[in-house]
Amino acid sequence: MATQEEVDRGRDAENLLNSAVYTDAWTAVRDGLIRDWARTEPDDVASRERIWISVTLLERLQGQLRVTANAGDLASHEFDQNRTTSFQI
């Protein structure tokens, strides 16, 4: 059963993902990492691997926020459905 906390967390995640401050920061960090990768020396495999890990973790963070936002959206629909069903009885 959906809880209000799940709904609230989902809404918070959605607000964060839609925040201009968050999107600007995320883009700046990712672009900076890609720029750093492009500037590595051909034989600097270790640096490129660290940058790849950083980009991957950055994208995983954003993915987790999307999972939380989607779960909150589903919880909100379930929460509303349960409330509507309770009123019909």
C-alpha atoms as a PDB file:
ATOM      1  CA  MET A   1       0.000   0.000   0.000  1.00  0.00           C
ATOM      2  CA  ALA A   2       1.275   3.432  -0.938  1.00  0.00           C
ATOM      3  CA  THR A   3       2.248   5.850   1.780  1.00  0.00           C
ATOM      4  CA  GLN A   4       2.247   9.616   1.866  1.00  0.00           C
ATOM      5  CA  GLU A   5       6.010   9.472   2.454  1.00  0.00           C
ATOM      6  CA  GLU A   6       6.501   7.658  -0.887  1.00  0.00           C
ATOM      7  CA  VAL A   7       4.367  10.258  -2.620  1.00  0.00           C
ATOM      8  CA  ASP A   8       6.310  13.110  -1.000  1.00  0.00           C
ATOM      9  CA  ARG A   9       9.714  11.573  -1.800  1.00  0.00           C
ATOM     10  CA  GLY A  10       8.673  11.078  -5.410  1.00  0.00           C
ATOM     11  CA  ARG A  11       7.497  14.664  -5.666  1.00  0.00           C
ATOM     12  CA  ASP A  12      10.780  15.879  -4.125  1.00  0.00           C
ATOM     13  CA  ALA A  13      12.795  13.816  -6.617  1.00  0.00           C
ATOM     14  CA  GLU A  14      10.714  15.134  -9.530  1.00  0.00           C
ATOM     15  CA  ASN A  15      11.151  18.723  -8.331  1.00  0.00           C
ATOM     16  CA  LEU A  16      14.899  18.200  -8.060  1.00  0.00           C
ATOM     17  CA  LEU A  17      15.143  16.689 -11.535  1.00  0.00           C
ATOM     18  CA  ASN A  18      13.174  19.620 -12.954  1.00  0.00           C
ATOM     19  CA  SER A  19      15.175  22.229 -11.049  1.00  0.00           C
ATOM     20  CA  ALA A  20      17.214  24.533 -13.272  1.00  0.00           C
ATOM     21  CA  VAL A  21      19.938  24.626 -10.618  1.00  0.00           C
ATOM     22  CA  TYR A  22      20.194  20.812 -10.594  1.00  0.00           C
ATOM     23  CA  THR A  23      20.107  20.431 -14.377  1.00  0.00           C
ATOM     24  CA  ASP A  24      22.689  23.180 -14.855  1.00  0.00           C
ATOM     25  CA  ALA A  25      24.985  21.642 -12.232  1.00  0.00           C
ATOM     26  CA  TRP A  26      24.548  18.115 -13.623  1.00  0.00           C
ATOM     27  CA  THR A  27      25.299  19.278 -17.158  1.00  0.00           C
ATOM     28  CA  ALA A  28      28.324  21.307 -16.043  1.00  0.00           C
ATOM     29  CA  VAL A  29      29.794  18.370 -14.120  1.00  0.00           C
ATOM     30  CA  ARG A  30      29.186  15.906 -16.956  1.00  0.00           C
ATOM     31  CA  ASP A  31      30.539  18.304 -19.608  1.00  0.00           C
ATOM     32  CA  GLY A  32      33.601  18.952 -17.448  1.00  0.00           C
ATOM     33  CA  LEU A  33      34.252  15.232 -17.102  1.00  0.00           C
ATOM     34  CA  ILE A  34      33.913  14.700 -20.851  1.00  0.00           C
ATOM     35  CA  ARG A  35      36.249  17.647 -21.479  1.00  0.00           C
ATOM     36  CA  ASP A  36      38.781  16.159 -19.018  1.00  0.00           C
ATOM     37  CA  TRP A  37      38.522  12.794 -20.791  1.00  0.00           C
ATOM     38  CA  ALA A  38      39.183  14.410 -24.168  1.00  0.00           C
ATOM     39  CA  ARG A  39      42.319  16.088 -22.795  1.00  0.00           C
ATOM     40  CA  THR A  40      43.925  12.928 -21.446  1.00  0.00           C
ATOM     41  CA  GLU A  41      47.138  11.685 -22.970  1.00  0.00           C
ATOM     42  CA  PRO A  42      46.794   8.617 -25.197  1.00  0.00           C
ATOM     43  CA  ASP A  43      48.623   6.431 -22.678  1.00  0.00           C
ATOM     44  CA  ASP A  44      46.713   7.725 -19.603  1.00  0.00           C
ATOM     45  CA  VAL A  45      44.300   4.819 -19.354  1.00  0.00           C
ATOM     46  CA  ALA A  46      43.909   5.148 -15.569  1.00  0.00           C
ATOM     47  CA  SER A  47      42.617   8.730 -15.819  1.00  0.00           C
ATOM     48  CA  ARG A  48      40.138   7.820 -18.542  1.00  0.00           C
ATOM     49  CA  GLU A  49      38.874   4.919 -16.447  1.00  0.00           C
ATOM     50  CA  ARG A  50      38.406   7.196 -13.406  1.00  0.00           C
ATOM     51  CA  ILE A  51      36.518   9.707 -15.550  1.00  0.00           C
ATOM     52  CA  TRP A  52      34.350   6.914 -16.992  1.00  0.00           C
ATOM     53  CA  ILE A  53      33.523   5.767 -13.459  1.00  0.00           C
ATOM     54  CA  SER A  54      32.639   9.342 -12.505  1.00  0.00           C
ATOM     55  CA  VAL A  55      30.323   9.776 -15.497  1.00  0.00           C
ATOM     56  CA  THR A  56      28.731   6.401 -14.793  1.00  0.00           C
ATOM     57  CA  LEU A  57      28.118   7.285 -11.144  1.00  0.00           C
ATOM     58  CA  LEU A  58      26.702  10.673 -12.106  1.00  0.00           C
ATOM     59  CA  GLU A  59      24.254   9.004 -14.477  1.00  0.00           C
ATOM     60  CA  ARG A  60      23.370   6.355 -11.870  1.00  0.00           C
ATOM     61  CA  LEU A  61      22.526   9.125  -9.399  1.00  0.00           C
ATOM     62  CA  GLN A  62      20.212  10.745 -11.908  1.00  0.00           C
ATOM     63  CA  GLY A  63      18.714   7.355 -12.717  1.00  0.00           C
ATOM     64  CA  GLN A  64      18.001   6.704  -9.052  1.00  0.00           C
ATOM     65  CA  LEU A  65      16.263  10.071  -8.776  1.00  0.00           C
ATOM     66  CA  ARG A  66      14.109   9.103 -11.768  1.00  0.00           C
ATOM     67  CA  VAL A  67      13.269   5.755 -10.134  1.00  0.00           C
ATOM     68  CA  THR A  68      12.248   7.584  -6.949  1.00  0.00           C
ATOM     69  CA  ALA A  69      10.180  10.095  -8.925  1.00  0.00           C
ATOM     70  CA  ASN A  70       8.428   7.324 -10.861  1.00  0.00           C
ATOM     71  CA  ALA A  71       7.777   5.316  -7.699  1.00  0.00           C
ATOM     72  CA  GLY A  72       6.269   8.411  -6.116  1.00  0.00           C
ATOM     73  CA  ASP A  73       4.059   8.947  -9.151  1.00  0.00           C
ATOM     74  CA  LEU A  74       2.837   5.356  -8.963  1.00  0.00           C
ATOM     75  CA  ALA A  75       2.319   5.696  -5.206  1.00  0.00           C
ATOM     76  CA  SER A  76       0.347   8.887  -5.787  1.00  0.00           C
ATOM     77  CA  HIS A  77      -1.971   7.128  -8.245  1.00  0.00           C
ATOM     78  CA  GLU A  78      -2.381   4.191  -5.854  1.00  0.00           C
ATOM     79  CA  PHE A  79      -2.942   6.557  -2.949  1.00  0.00           C
ATOM     80  CA  ASP A  80      -5.627   8.430  -4.926  1.00  0.00           C
ATOM     81  CA  GLN A  81      -7.211   5.176  -6.094  1.00  0.00           C
ATOM     82  CA  ASN A  82      -7.426   3.853  -2.525  1.00  0.00           C
ATOM     83  CA  ARG A  83      -8.929   7.111  -1.330  1.00  0.00           C
ATOM     84  CA  THR A  84     -11.547   7.074  -4.139  1.00  0.00           C
ATOM     85  CA  THR A  85     -12.391   3.444  -3.438  1.00  0.00           C
ATOM     86  CA  SER A  86     -12.803   4.177   0.272  1.00  0.00           C
ATOM     87  CA  PHE A  87     -15.311   6.935  -0.457  1.00  0.00           C
ATOM     88  CA  GLN A  88     -17.389   4.687  -2.719  1.00  0.00           C
ATOM     89  CA  ILE A  89     -17.971   2.017  -0.099  1.00  0.00           C
END
